[in-house]
C-alpha atoms as a PDB file:
ATOM      1  CA  UNK A   1       0.000   0.000   0.000  1.00  0.00           C
ATOM      2  CA  UNK A   2       2.774   2.390   0.782  1.00  0.00           C
ATOM      3  CA  UNK A   3       4.111   4.212   3.774  1.00  0.00           C
ATOM      4  CA  UNK A   4       4.161   7.843   4.852  1.00  0.00           C
ATOM      5  CA  UNK A   5       6.341   9.091   7.696  1.00  0.00           C
ATOM      6  CA  UNK A   6       6.603  12.612   9.107  1.00  0.00           C
ATOM      7  CA  UNK A   7       9.499  14.125  11.027  1.00  0.00           C
ATOM      8  CA  UNK A   8      10.549  17.467  12.461  1.00  0.00           C
ATOM      9  CA  UNK A   9       7.927  18.314  15.031  1.00  0.00           C
ATOM     10  CA  UNK A  10       8.755  19.784  18.405  1.00  0.00           C
ATOM     11  CA  UNK A  11       8.375  22.696  20.772  1.00  0.00           C
ATOM     12  CA  UNK A  12       8.921  26.214  19.471  1.00  0.00           C
ATOM     13  CA  UNK A  13       8.270  29.685  20.861  1.00  0.00           C
ATOM     14  CA  UNK A  14       5.671  31.992  19.310  1.00  0.00           C
ATOM     15  CA  UNK A  15       7.103  33.731  16.286  1.00  0.00           C
ATOM     16  CA  UNK A  16       9.551  30.933  15.675  1.00  0.00           C
ATOM     17  CA  UNK A  17       9.979  28.574  12.746  1.00  0.00           C
ATOM     18  CA  UNK A  18       9.899  24.849  12.223  1.00  0.00           C
ATOM     19  CA  UNK A  19      10.339  22.618   9.191  1.00  0.00           C
ATOM     20  CA  UNK A  20       8.496  19.340   8.845  1.00  0.00           C
ATOM     21  CA  UNK A  21       9.528  16.609   6.447  1.00  0.00           C
ATOM     22  CA  UNK A  22       7.505  13.776   4.980  1.00  0.00           C
ATOM     23  CA  UNK A  23       8.941  10.741   3.263  1.00  0.00           C
ATOM     24  CA  UNK A  24       6.867   8.341   1.205  1.00  0.00           C
ATOM     25  CA  UNK A  25       7.690   4.837   0.064  1.00  0.00           C
ATOM     26  CA  UNK A  26       6.091   1.869  -1.585  1.00  0.00           C
ATOM     27  CA  UNK A  27       2.957   2.165  -3.681  1.00  0.00           C
ATOM     28  CA  UNK A  28       2.495   5.912  -3.038  1.00  0.00           C
ATOM     29  CA  UNK A  29       5.946   6.956  -4.154  1.00  0.00           C
ATOM     30  CA  UNK A  30       4.706   8.423  -7.440  1.00  0.00           C
ATOM     31  CA  UNK A  31       1.423   9.813  -6.215  1.00  0.00           C
ATOM     32  CA  UNK A  32       0.647  13.127  -7.902  1.00  0.00           C
ATOM     33  CA  UNK A  33      -0.926  15.116  -5.120  1.00  0.00           C
ATOM     34  CA  UNK A  34       0.111  15.299  -1.503  1.00  0.00           C
ATOM     35  CA  UNK A  35      -1.088  17.313   1.438  1.00  0.00           C
ATOM     36  CA  UNK A  36      -0.516  18.364   5.015  1.00  0.00           C
ATOM     37  CA  UNK A  37      -3.356  18.300   7.544  1.00  0.00           C
ATOM     38  CA  UNK A  38      -3.446  19.109  11.214  1.00  0.00           C
ATOM     39  CA  UNK A  39      -5.589  18.197  14.174  1.00  0.00           C
ATOM     40  CA  UNK A  40      -5.687  20.183  17.366  1.00  0.00           C
ATOM     41  CA  UNK A  41      -7.411  19.116  20.612  1.00  0.00           C
ATOM     42  CA  UNK A  42     -11.056  20.072  20.566  1.00  0.00           C
ATOM     43  CA  UNK A  43     -10.955  21.201  16.957  1.00  0.00           C
ATOM     44  CA  UNK A  44     -11.835  19.689  13.628  1.00  0.00           C
ATOM     45  CA  UNK A  45      -9.170  18.403  11.310  1.00  0.00           C
ATOM     46  CA  UNK A  46      -8.157  21.045   8.806  1.00  0.00           C
ATOM     47  CA  UNK A  47      -6.090  21.136   5.673  1.00  0.00           C
ATOM     48  CA  UNK A  48      -2.829  23.008   6.000  1.00  0.00           C
ATOM     49  CA  UNK A  49      -1.947  22.872   2.338  1.00  0.00           C
ATOM     50  CA  UNK A  50      -1.544  20.775  -0.782  1.00  0.00           C
ATOM     51  CA  UNK A  51       1.063  20.345  -3.487  1.00  0.00           C
ATOM     52  CA  UNK A  52       0.592  18.866  -6.939  1.00  0.00           C
ATOM     53  CA  UNK A  53       2.973  16.924  -9.143  1.00  0.00           C
ATOM     54  CA  UNK A  54       3.758  20.227 -10.855  1.00  0.00           C
ATOM     55  CA  UNK A  55       4.537  21.825  -7.482  1.00  0.00           C
ATOM     56  CA  UNK A  56       1.417  23.973  -7.577  1.00  0.00           C
ATOM     57  CA  UNK A  57       0.373  24.753  -4.024  1.00  0.00           C
ATOM     58  CA  UNK A  58      -2.633  26.008  -2.130  1.00  0.00           C
ATOM     59  CA  UNK A  59      -3.037  26.706   1.577  1.00  0.00           C
ATOM     60  CA  UNK A  60      -5.634  26.933   4.257  1.00  0.00           C
ATOM     61  CA  UNK A  61      -6.694  30.425   5.295  1.00  0.00           C
ATOM     62  CA  UNK A  62      -5.148  30.097   8.742  1.00  0.00           C
ATOM     63  CA  UNK A  63      -1.620  29.512   7.430  1.00  0.00           C
ATOM     64  CA  UNK A  64      -1.502  31.262   4.072  1.00  0.00           C
ATOM     65  CA  UNK A  65       1.457  33.631   3.919  1.00  0.00           C
ATOM     66  CA  UNK A  66       3.250  31.947   6.824  1.00  0.00           C
ATOM     67  CA  UNK A  67       3.631  28.324   5.715  1.00  0.00           C
ATOM     68  CA  UNK A  68       5.235  26.980   2.539  1.00  0.00           C
ATOM     69  CA  UNK A  69       5.059  23.498   1.057  1.00  0.00           C
ATOM     70  CA  UNK A  70       7.805  22.201  -1.201  1.00  0.00           C
ATOM     71  CA  UNK A  71       8.553  18.918  -2.896  1.00  0.00           C
ATOM     72  CA  UNK A  72      11.594  16.860  -3.821  1.00  0.00           C
ATOM     73  CA  UNK A  73      10.391  14.104  -6.112  1.00  0.00           C
ATOM     74  CA  UNK A  74      13.838  12.571  -6.471  1.00  0.00           C
ATOM     75  CA  UNK A  75      13.876  11.917  -2.721  1.00  0.00           C
ATOM     76  CA  UNK A  76      10.141  11.116  -2.513  1.00  0.00           C
ATOM     77  CA  UNK A  77       9.685  13.834   0.063  1.00  0.00           C
ATOM     78  CA  UNK A  78       7.635  16.914   0.750  1.00  0.00           C
ATOM     79  CA  UNK A  79       8.326  19.614   3.308  1.00  0.00           C
ATOM     80  CA  UNK A  80       6.346  22.116   5.325  1.00  0.00           C
ATOM     81  CA  UNK A  81       8.209  25.280   6.272  1.00  0.00           C
ATOM     82  CA  UNK A  82       6.347  27.036   9.068  1.00  0.00           C
ATOM     83  CA  UNK A  83       7.255  30.613   9.928  1.00  0.00           C
ATOM     84  CA  UNK A  84       5.668  33.066  12.308  1.00  0.00           C
ATOM     85  CA  UNK A  85       4.250  30.267  14.409  1.00  0.00           C
ATOM     86  CA  UNK A  86       1.388  31.044  16.771  1.00  0.00           C
ATOM     87  CA  UNK A  87       0.041  29.118  19.761  1.00  0.00           C
ATOM     88  CA  UNK A  88      -3.034  28.260  17.700  1.00  0.00           C
ATOM     89  CA  UNK A  89      -0.767  26.346  15.304  1.00  0.00           C
ATOM     90  CA  UNK A  90      -0.275  23.755  18.022  1.00  0.00           C
ATOM     91  CA  UNK A  91      -1.514  20.453  16.623  1.00  0.00           C
ATOM     92  CA  UNK A  92      -0.536  17.061  15.327  1.00  0.00           C
ATOM     93  CA  UNK A  93       0.506  17.488  11.722  1.00  0.00           C
ATOM     94  CA  UNK A  94      -0.147  14.733   9.211  1.00  0.00           C
ATOM     95  CA  UNK A  95       1.254  14.120   5.767  1.00  0.00           C
ATOM     96  CA  UNK A  96      -1.073  12.477   3.271  1.00  0.00           C
ATOM     97  CA  UNK A  97      -0.226  10.768   0.001  1.00  0.00           C
ATOM     98  CA  UNK A  98      -3.356   9.807  -1.875  1.00  0.00           C
ATOM     99  CA  UNK A  99      -5.326   7.987   0.841  1.00  0.00           C
ATOM    100  CA  UNK A 100      -2.330   6.975   2.940  1.00  0.00           C
ATOM    101  CA  UNK A 101      -1.765   8.938   6.138  1.00  0.00           C
ATOM    102  CA  UNK A 102       1.362   9.169   8.217  1.00  0.00           C
ATOM    103  CA  UNK A 103       1.287   8.683  12.002  1.00  0.00           C
ATOM    104  CA  UNK A 104       1.639  12.429  12.565  1.00  0.00           C
ATOM    105  CA  UNK A 105       4.146  14.648  14.318  1.00  0.00           C
ATOM    106  CA  UNK A 106       3.386  16.948  17.243  1.00  0.00           C
ATOM    107  CA  UNK A 107       4.024  20.677  16.905  1.00  0.00           C
ATOM    108  CA  UNK A 108       3.685  22.751  20.060  1.00  0.00           C
ATOM    109  CA  UNK A 109       3.970  26.529  20.007  1.00  0.00           C
ATOM    110  CA  UNK A 110       4.375  27.902  23.493  1.00  0.00           C
ATOM    111  CA  UNK A 111       6.515  30.257  25.512  1.00  0.00           C
END
């Protein structure tokens, strides 16, 4: 089926930056479209952003202008650069390739 694994989460102060990485393998290696989602306690899951095979991107309203998704197809990876982090960005972040979800990585923004 394929495997998706995220890395790079952690604790960061408000205003700081963090870069998440996602590596895919197996059947989803050549999937065209990939995405980042997040889930915070007490909130609904929301899309952070998506990237196409042509590297076209779109973002959720809450992160547009602060977060950037990029892709390295040679390494079967996508990245999420998060700048200007706010406490409300605290969540588990998930990478998705087609219908395959990673286990998630925790991002905590707190002073």
